[in-house]
Amino acid sequence: MEPPSRHAGTDIIIEDARWRASVPGTERAIRRALVAVARQGGPDFTQSPAPSILLATDRIVKRLNARFRNKNKPTNVLTFEPVSSVHGGDIVLGYETVRREATAARRSLRAHLSHLVVHGALHLAGYDHHHPGEAREMEGIETRTLRSLGFGDPWRQGNWQQAGSVRI
């Protein structure tokens, strides 16, 4: 049994069993990413409400993307702002898109999942990447965080391209 995590309050819902089959210790990987991003200057969810994380299918992400963004297609990660001060927001990931991106970038699904959890957490903390300065700051935290977890720079490996993560 794993020791209690500082992010034990993070609700992790695994809607698609392929996540667990493809990333052994899925919940632990997510919690490690949340702890690591706090250590690199990102949001510390021990001091504020933690996000809920839904590991879903592309079908579910496509439906949410259509409903809330009027884009009838899946994306890798969606973040939903907190609805109240006691809620930490939501991070939703689509299995097929995340798997496809990881394969294309020649990285493990664990590394890519960790990156997108960090990316979503930063969006929930107010970080964005619409302007070059904002993007540099956000990508710097992501890079330091992923390196601290033993993964490479997510922006330099393989042929990584951000496929449309968004904050709602």
C-alpha atoms as a PDB file:
ATOM      1  CA  MET A   1       0.000   0.000   0.000  1.00  0.00           C
ATOM      2  CA  GLU A   2       1.255   3.456  -0.904  1.00  0.00           C
ATOM      3  CA  PRO A   3       1.823   6.046   1.832  1.00  0.00           C
ATOM      4  CA  PRO A   4      -0.742   8.855   1.957  1.00  0.00           C
ATOM      5  CA  SER A   5      -0.083  11.497  -0.656  1.00  0.00           C
ATOM      6  CA  ARG A   6      -0.048  15.218  -0.055  1.00  0.00           C
ATOM      7  CA  HIS A   7      -2.629  15.225  -2.837  1.00  0.00           C
ATOM      8  CA  ALA A   8      -4.861  12.530  -1.417  1.00  0.00           C
ATOM      9  CA  GLY A   9      -7.756  14.998  -1.840  1.00  0.00           C
ATOM     10  CA  THR A  10      -7.402  14.875  -5.620  1.00  0.00           C
ATOM     11  CA  ASP A  11     -10.299  12.884  -7.042  1.00  0.00           C
ATOM     12  CA  ILE A  12      -9.071  10.726  -9.890  1.00  0.00           C
ATOM     13  CA  ILE A  13     -11.762   9.094 -11.972  1.00  0.00           C
ATOM     14  CA  ILE A  14     -10.619   6.501 -14.481  1.00  0.00           C
ATOM     15  CA  GLU A  15     -13.499   6.152 -16.905  1.00  0.00           C
ATOM     16  CA  ASP A  16     -11.521   4.136 -19.451  1.00  0.00           C
ATOM     17  CA  ALA A  17      -9.682   1.038 -18.162  1.00  0.00           C
ATOM     18  CA  ARG A  18      -7.048   1.406 -20.887  1.00  0.00           C
ATOM     19  CA  TRP A  19      -5.459   4.181 -18.817  1.00  0.00           C
ATOM     20  CA  ARG A  20      -4.787   1.828 -15.924  1.00  0.00           C
ATOM     21  CA  ALA A  21      -3.640  -0.981 -18.249  1.00  0.00           C
ATOM     22  CA  SER A  22      -1.259   1.351 -20.137  1.00  0.00           C
ATOM     23  CA  VAL A  23       0.108   3.281 -17.151  1.00  0.00           C
ATOM     24  CA  PRO A  24       0.628   1.004 -14.137  1.00  0.00           C
ATOM     25  CA  GLY A  25       0.217   3.046 -10.958  1.00  0.00           C
ATOM     26  CA  THR A  26      -1.832   5.635 -12.830  1.00  0.00           C
ATOM     27  CA  GLU A  27      -3.094   7.419  -9.720  1.00  0.00           C
ATOM     28  CA  ARG A  28       0.383   7.544  -8.194  1.00  0.00           C
ATOM     29  CA  ALA A  29       1.818   9.011 -11.419  1.00  0.00           C
ATOM     30  CA  ILE A  30      -0.809  11.756 -11.361  1.00  0.00           C
ATOM     31  CA  ARG A  31      -0.214  12.596  -7.716  1.00  0.00           C
ATOM     32  CA  ARG A  32       3.572  12.639  -8.262  1.00  0.00           C
ATOM     33  CA  ALA A  33       3.078  15.128 -11.130  1.00  0.00           C
ATOM     34  CA  LEU A  34       0.993  17.402  -8.884  1.00  0.00           C
ATOM     35  CA  VAL A  35       3.599  17.314  -6.097  1.00  0.00           C
ATOM     36  CA  ALA A  36       6.415  17.933  -8.595  1.00  0.00           C
ATOM     37  CA  VAL A  37       4.765  20.949 -10.229  1.00  0.00           C
ATOM     38  CA  ALA A  38       4.338  22.564  -6.795  1.00  0.00           C
ATOM     39  CA  ARG A  39       8.053  22.059  -6.098  1.00  0.00           C
ATOM     40  CA  GLN A  40       8.897  23.848  -9.355  1.00  0.00           C
ATOM     41  CA  GLY A  41       6.865  26.967  -8.587  1.00  0.00           C
ATOM     42  CA  GLY A  42       3.509  25.826  -9.914  1.00  0.00           C
ATOM     43  CA  PRO A  43       0.274  25.490  -7.957  1.00  0.00           C
ATOM     44  CA  ASP A  44       0.461  23.863  -4.534  1.00  0.00           C
ATOM     45  CA  PHE A  45      -2.806  22.058  -4.022  1.00  0.00           C
ATOM     46  CA  THR A  46      -1.996  21.429  -0.366  1.00  0.00           C
ATOM     47  CA  GLN A  47      -2.683  25.152   0.097  1.00  0.00           C
ATOM     48  CA  SER A  48      -5.759  25.318  -2.137  1.00  0.00           C
ATOM     49  CA  PRO A  49      -8.442  22.886  -3.323  1.00  0.00           C
ATOM     50  CA  ALA A  50      -7.058  20.133  -5.532  1.00  0.00           C
ATOM     51  CA  PRO A  51      -8.447  19.495  -9.002  1.00  0.00           C
ATOM     52  CA  SER A  52     -10.505  16.499  -9.987  1.00  0.00           C
ATOM     53  CA  ILE A  53      -8.987  14.508 -12.810  1.00  0.00           C
ATOM     54  CA  LEU A  54     -11.002  12.465 -15.296  1.00  0.00           C
ATOM     55  CA  LEU A  55      -9.177   9.967 -17.494  1.00  0.00           C
ATOM     56  CA  ALA A  56     -11.711   9.462 -20.239  1.00  0.00           C
ATOM     57  CA  THR A  57     -12.079   8.482 -23.878  1.00  0.00           C
ATOM     58  CA  ASP A  58     -11.826  10.759 -26.877  1.00  0.00           C
ATOM     59  CA  ARG A  59     -15.590  10.338 -27.287  1.00  0.00           C
ATOM     60  CA  ILE A  60     -16.237  11.983 -23.917  1.00  0.00           C
ATOM     61  CA  VAL A  61     -13.640  14.714 -24.495  1.00  0.00           C
ATOM     62  CA  LYS A  62     -15.138  15.413 -27.922  1.00  0.00           C
ATOM     63  CA  ARG A  63     -18.585  15.789 -26.368  1.00  0.00           C
ATOM     64  CA  LEU A  64     -17.263  18.200 -23.704  1.00  0.00           C
ATOM     65  CA  ASN A  65     -15.239  20.132 -26.270  1.00  0.00           C
ATOM     66  CA  ALA A  66     -18.340  20.523 -28.465  1.00  0.00           C
ATOM     67  CA  ARG A  67     -20.546  21.584 -25.580  1.00  0.00           C
ATOM     68  CA  PHE A  68     -18.201  24.070 -23.920  1.00  0.00           C
ATOM     69  CA  ARG A  69     -15.995  25.246 -26.814  1.00  0.00           C
ATOM     70  CA  ASN A  70     -18.149  24.622 -29.891  1.00  0.00           C
ATOM     71  CA  LYS A  71     -15.378  22.425 -31.323  1.00  0.00           C
ATOM     72  CA  ASN A  72     -16.734  19.057 -32.374  1.00  0.00           C
ATOM     73  CA  LYS A  73     -13.456  17.158 -32.054  1.00  0.00           C
ATOM     74  CA  PRO A  74     -11.409  15.566 -29.301  1.00  0.00           C
ATOM     75  CA  THR A  75      -8.346  17.208 -27.796  1.00  0.00           C
ATOM     76  CA  ASN A  76      -5.675  15.951 -25.427  1.00  0.00           C
ATOM     77  CA  VAL A  77      -6.656  17.862 -22.280  1.00  0.00           C
ATOM     78  CA  LEU A  78      -9.438  20.177 -21.199  1.00  0.00           C
ATOM     79  CA  THR A  79      -9.389  22.161 -17.985  1.00  0.00           C
ATOM     80  CA  PHE A  80     -12.465  23.580 -16.330  1.00  0.00           C
ATOM     81  CA  GLU A  81     -12.141  26.453 -13.908  1.00  0.00           C
ATOM     82  CA  PRO A  82     -13.330  25.905 -10.321  1.00  0.00           C
ATOM     83  CA  VAL A  83     -17.047  26.521  -9.860  1.00  0.00           C
ATOM     84  CA  SER A  84     -16.547  27.603  -6.239  1.00  0.00           C
ATOM     85  CA  SER A  85     -13.773  28.369  -3.778  1.00  0.00           C
ATOM     86  CA  VAL A  86     -13.961  24.830  -2.348  1.00  0.00           C
ATOM     87  CA  HIS A  87     -13.525  23.157  -5.731  1.00  0.00           C
ATOM     88  CA  GLY A  88     -10.137  22.946  -7.464  1.00  0.00           C
ATOM     89  CA  GLY A  89     -11.398  22.686 -11.027  1.00  0.00           C
ATOM     90  CA  ASP A  90     -11.297  19.744 -13.397  1.00  0.00           C
ATOM     91  CA  ILE A  91      -8.725  18.264 -15.745  1.00  0.00           C
ATOM     92  CA  VAL A  92     -10.080  15.896 -18.416  1.00  0.00           C
ATOM     93  CA  LEU A  93      -7.856  13.810 -20.700  1.00  0.00           C
ATOM     94  CA  GLY A  94      -8.802  11.763 -23.766  1.00  0.00           C
ATOM     95  CA  TYR A  95      -7.074   8.380 -23.998  1.00  0.00           C
ATOM     96  CA  GLU A  96      -6.833   7.952 -27.756  1.00  0.00           C
ATOM     97  CA  THR A  97      -5.460  11.446 -28.424  1.00  0.00           C
ATOM     98  CA  VAL A  98      -2.972  11.288 -25.544  1.00  0.00           C
ATOM     99  CA  ARG A  99      -1.827   7.803 -26.643  1.00  0.00           C
ATOM    100  CA  ARG A 100      -1.458   8.935 -30.278  1.00  0.00           C
ATOM    101  CA  GLU A 101       0.554  12.023 -29.266  1.00  0.00           C
ATOM    102  CA  ALA A 102       2.837   9.995 -26.983  1.00  0.00           C
ATOM    103  CA  THR A 103       3.528   7.524 -29.773  1.00  0.00           C
ATOM    104  CA  ALA A 104       4.169  10.284 -32.327  1.00  0.00           C
ATOM    105  CA  ALA A 105       6.568  12.032 -29.937  1.00  0.00           C
ATOM    106  CA  ARG A 106       8.297   8.748 -29.072  1.00  0.00           C
ATOM    107  CA  ARG A 107       7.693   9.075 -25.361  1.00  0.00           C
ATOM    108  CA  SER A 108       5.995   6.870 -22.828  1.00  0.00           C
ATOM    109  CA  LEU A 109       2.326   7.300 -22.082  1.00  0.00           C
ATOM    110  CA  ARG A 110       3.321   7.850 -18.419  1.00  0.00           C
ATOM    111  CA  ALA A 111       5.566  10.783 -19.418  1.00  0.00           C
ATOM    112  CA  HIS A 112       2.910  12.346 -21.621  1.00  0.00           C
ATOM    113  CA  LEU A 113       0.152  11.838 -19.039  1.00  0.00           C
ATOM    114  CA  SER A 114       2.376  13.466 -16.410  1.00  0.00           C
ATOM    115  CA  HIS A 115       3.067  16.387 -18.744  1.00  0.00           C
ATOM    116  CA  LEU A 116      -0.603  16.983 -19.492  1.00  0.00           C
ATOM    117  CA  VAL A 117      -1.558  16.791 -15.798  1.00  0.00           C
ATOM    118  CA  VAL A 118       1.112  19.417 -15.065  1.00  0.00           C
ATOM    119  CA  HIS A 119      -0.094  21.476 -18.041  1.00  0.00           C
ATOM    120  CA  GLY A 120      -3.704  21.312 -16.839  1.00  0.00           C
ATOM    121  CA  ALA A 121      -2.720  22.178 -13.263  1.00  0.00           C
ATOM    122  CA  LEU A 122      -0.856  25.250 -14.511  1.00  0.00           C
ATOM    123  CA  HIS A 123      -3.909  26.355 -16.503  1.00  0.00           C
ATOM    124  CA  LEU A 124      -6.036  26.013 -13.356  1.00  0.00           C
ATOM    125  CA  ALA A 125      -3.519  28.235 -11.539  1.00  0.00           C
ATOM    126  CA  GLY A 126      -3.928  30.934 -14.199  1.00  0.00           C
ATOM    127  CA  TYR A 127      -0.963  30.180 -16.462  1.00  0.00           C
ATOM    128  CA  ASP A 128      -1.509  30.356 -20.194  1.00  0.00           C
ATOM    129  CA  HIS A 129       0.423  30.125 -23.451  1.00  0.00           C
ATOM    130  CA  HIS A 130      -1.317  32.558 -25.790  1.00  0.00           C
ATOM    131  CA  HIS A 131       1.539  35.078 -25.756  1.00  0.00           C
ATOM    132  CA  PRO A 132       5.258  34.298 -26.119  1.00  0.00           C
ATOM    133  CA  GLY A 133       6.228  35.494 -22.630  1.00  0.00           C
ATOM    134  CA  GLU A 134       3.440  33.520 -20.978  1.00  0.00           C
ATOM    135  CA  ALA A 135       4.296  30.461 -23.047  1.00  0.00           C
ATOM    136  CA  ARG A 136       7.996  30.629 -22.054  1.00  0.00           C
ATOM    137  CA  GLU A 137       7.119  30.851 -18.373  1.00  0.00           C
ATOM    138  CA  MET A 138       4.606  27.997 -18.530  1.00  0.00           C
ATOM    139  CA  GLU A 139       6.864  25.778 -20.644  1.00  0.00           C
ATOM    140  CA  GLY A 140       9.777  26.460 -18.271  1.00  0.00           C
ATOM    141  CA  ILE A 141       7.803  25.185 -15.293  1.00  0.00           C
ATOM    142  CA  GLU A 142       6.635  22.184 -17.323  1.00  0.00           C
ATOM    143  CA  THR A 143      10.194  21.365 -18.401  1.00  0.00           C
ATOM    144  CA  ARG A 144      11.635  21.641 -14.879  1.00  0.00           C
ATOM    145  CA  THR A 145       8.769  19.567 -13.497  1.00  0.00           C
ATOM    146  CA  LEU A 146       9.085  16.788 -16.072  1.00  0.00           C
ATOM    147  CA  ARG A 147      12.865  16.656 -15.614  1.00  0.00           C
ATOM    148  CA  SER A 148      12.407  16.382 -11.842  1.00  0.00           C
ATOM    149  CA  LEU A 149      10.198  13.347 -12.495  1.00  0.00           C
ATOM    150  CA  GLY A 150      12.923  11.728 -14.593  1.00  0.00           C
ATOM    151  CA  PHE A 151      11.444  12.547 -17.994  1.00  0.00           C
ATOM    152  CA  GLY A 152      13.065  14.644 -20.690  1.00  0.00           C
ATOM    153  CA  ASP A 153      12.149  18.115 -21.836  1.00  0.00           C
ATOM    154  CA  PRO A 154       8.616  17.730 -23.237  1.00  0.00           C
ATOM    155  CA  TRP A 155       9.243  20.505 -25.752  1.00  0.00           C
ATOM    156  CA  ARG A 156      12.435  19.066 -27.283  1.00  0.00           C
ATOM    157  CA  GLN A 157      11.894  15.318 -27.514  1.00  0.00           C
ATOM    158  CA  GLY A 158      10.708  13.675 -30.697  1.00  0.00           C
ATOM    159  CA  ASN A 159       8.408  15.772 -32.812  1.00  0.00           C
ATOM    160  CA  TRP A 160       6.164  17.022 -29.994  1.00  0.00           C
ATOM    161  CA  GLN A 161       3.552  19.573 -30.942  1.00  0.00           C
ATOM    162  CA  GLN A 162       0.902  20.802 -28.598  1.00  0.00           C
ATOM    163  CA  ALA A 163      -2.283  19.430 -30.057  1.00  0.00           C
ATOM    164  CA  GLY A 164      -4.813  21.767 -28.592  1.00  0.00           C
ATOM    165  CA  SER A 165      -4.941  21.714 -24.830  1.00  0.00           C
ATOM    166  CA  VAL A 166      -7.286  24.395 -23.643  1.00  0.00           C
ATOM    167  CA  ARG A 167      -8.520  26.098 -20.533  1.00  0.00           C
ATOM    168  CA  ILE A 168     -12.232  26.689 -20.111  1.00  0.00           C
END
